[in-house]
Amino acid sequence: MKVPEETRKFLESEGIRLIAKETEEACKTYNELKDKKKVALLHLTC
């Protein structure tokens, strides 16, 4: 799933770092960021 450019720009303007990856890689990255404030949004229907 592609993240629209408008969404990317909005998140950046709010100081939010976006990491967009395939689900398996996203989960690994999420777990590696254990000392950081984080939220995951996963699209799992495809």
N, C-alpha and C. Protein backbone atom coordinates (compact mmCIF):
# COMPACT_ATOMS: atom_id res chain seq x y z
N MET A 1 0.85 -1.17 0.00
CA MET A 1 0.00 0.00 0.00
C MET A 1 0.90 1.24 0.00
N LYS A 2 0.64 2.13 -0.89
CA LYS A 2 1.41 3.37 -0.98
C LYS A 2 0.82 4.43 -0.05
N VAL A 3 1.68 5.19 0.57
CA VAL A 3 1.25 6.30 1.41
C VAL A 3 1.22 7.54 0.51
N PRO A 4 0.06 8.19 0.38
CA PRO A 4 -0.03 9.36 -0.48
C PRO A 4 0.95 10.47 -0.06
N GLU A 5 1.48 11.18 -1.03
CA GLU A 5 2.44 12.26 -0.77
C GLU A 5 1.86 13.30 0.17
N GLU A 6 0.58 13.60 0.03
CA GLU A 6 -0.08 14.57 0.91
C GLU A 6 -0.01 14.12 2.36
N THR A 7 -0.21 12.84 2.59
CA THR A 7 -0.14 12.28 3.94
C THR A 7 1.29 12.35 4.47
N ARG A 8 2.25 12.01 3.64
CA ARG A 8 3.66 12.08 4.04
C ARG A 8 4.03 13.50 4.46
N LYS A 9 3.62 14.48 3.64
CA LYS A 9 3.93 15.88 3.93
C LYS A 9 3.28 16.35 5.22
N PHE A 10 2.02 15.93 5.43
CA PHE A 10 1.33 16.31 6.66
C PHE A 10 2.04 15.76 7.89
N LEU A 11 2.39 14.48 7.86
CA LEU A 11 3.08 13.87 9.00
C LEU A 11 4.40 14.59 9.26
N GLU A 12 5.15 14.87 8.22
CA GLU A 12 6.42 15.57 8.37
C GLU A 12 6.21 16.96 8.98
N SER A 13 5.16 17.65 8.54
CA SER A 13 4.89 18.99 9.08
C SER A 13 4.53 18.95 10.56
N GLU A 14 4.05 17.81 11.02
CA GLU A 14 3.69 17.63 12.43
C GLU A 14 4.84 17.05 13.25
N GLY A 15 5.99 16.87 12.61
CA GLY A 15 7.16 16.32 13.31
C GLY A 15 7.07 14.82 13.52
N ILE A 16 6.28 14.14 12.69
CA ILE A 16 6.10 12.69 12.81
C ILE A 16 6.94 12.00 11.74
N ARG A 17 7.77 11.09 12.16
CA ARG A 17 8.60 10.33 11.23
C ARG A 17 7.80 9.14 10.72
N LEU A 18 7.69 9.03 9.42
CA LEU A 18 6.97 7.93 8.79
C LEU A 18 7.96 6.88 8.31
N ILE A 19 7.70 5.63 8.67
CA ILE A 19 8.49 4.51 8.16
C ILE A 19 7.49 3.58 7.49
N ALA A 20 7.51 3.52 6.18
CA ALA A 20 6.57 2.68 5.43
C ALA A 20 7.31 1.47 4.88
N LYS A 21 6.89 0.29 5.33
CA LYS A 21 7.54 -0.96 4.92
C LYS A 21 6.49 -2.06 4.79
N GLU A 22 6.89 -3.15 4.15
CA GLU A 22 6.04 -4.34 4.11
C GLU A 22 5.86 -4.82 5.56
N THR A 23 4.77 -5.53 5.83
CA THR A 23 4.39 -5.88 7.19
C THR A 23 5.50 -6.55 8.00
N GLU A 24 6.14 -7.56 7.44
CA GLU A 24 7.17 -8.28 8.20
C GLU A 24 8.32 -7.35 8.58
N GLU A 25 8.79 -6.54 7.63
CA GLU A 25 9.88 -5.60 7.91
C GLU A 25 9.42 -4.51 8.88
N ALA A 26 8.18 -4.08 8.73
CA ALA A 26 7.64 -3.04 9.62
C ALA A 26 7.63 -3.53 11.07
N CYS A 27 7.24 -4.78 11.27
CA CYS A 27 7.21 -5.34 12.63
C CYS A 27 8.61 -5.43 13.22
N LYS A 28 9.58 -5.82 12.40
CA LYS A 28 10.96 -5.88 12.89
C LYS A 28 11.45 -4.49 13.28
N THR A 29 11.18 -3.51 12.42
CA THR A 29 11.61 -2.14 12.70
C THR A 29 10.94 -1.61 13.96
N TYR A 30 9.64 -1.86 14.10
CA TYR A 30 8.90 -1.44 15.29
C TYR A 30 9.56 -1.99 16.55
N ASN A 31 9.90 -3.25 16.53
CA ASN A 31 10.53 -3.87 17.71
C ASN A 31 11.93 -3.33 17.98
N GLU A 32 12.62 -2.89 16.95
CA GLU A 32 13.96 -2.32 17.13
C GLU A 32 13.91 -0.92 17.75
N LEU A 33 12.77 -0.27 17.70
CA LEU A 33 12.62 1.09 18.22
C LEU A 33 12.07 1.09 19.65
N LYS A 34 12.49 0.12 20.46
CA LYS A 34 11.90 -0.06 21.79
C LYS A 34 12.08 1.12 22.74
N ASP A 35 13.10 1.94 22.56
CA ASP A 35 13.31 3.08 23.46
C ASP A 35 12.70 4.36 22.93
N LYS A 36 11.92 4.28 21.88
CA LYS A 36 11.33 5.46 21.25
C LYS A 36 9.81 5.44 21.42
N LYS A 37 9.22 6.63 21.44
CA LYS A 37 7.77 6.76 21.42
C LYS A 37 7.32 6.38 20.01
N LYS A 38 6.37 5.44 19.88
CA LYS A 38 6.00 4.95 18.56
C LYS A 38 4.56 4.50 18.50
N VAL A 39 4.06 4.43 17.28
CA VAL A 39 2.73 3.92 16.98
C VAL A 39 2.85 3.13 15.69
N ALA A 40 2.14 2.04 15.57
CA ALA A 40 2.13 1.26 14.33
C ALA A 40 0.75 1.30 13.70
N LEU A 41 0.72 1.48 12.42
CA LEU A 41 -0.50 1.40 11.64
C LEU A 41 -0.23 0.39 10.54
N LEU A 42 -0.85 -0.77 10.63
CA LEU A 42 -0.58 -1.85 9.69
C LEU A 42 -1.80 -2.13 8.82
N HIS A 43 -1.58 -2.25 7.53
CA HIS A 43 -2.62 -2.59 6.56
C HIS A 43 -2.44 -4.07 6.23
N LEU A 44 -3.34 -4.89 6.70
CA LEU A 44 -3.14 -6.34 6.61
C LEU A 44 -4.11 -7.08 5.70
N THR A 45 -4.91 -6.38 4.92
CA THR A 45 -5.95 -7.07 4.14
C THR A 45 -5.53 -7.48 2.74
N CYS A 46 -4.37 -7.09 2.29
CA CYS A 46 -3.95 -7.43 0.91
C CYS A 46 -3.21 -8.74 0.86
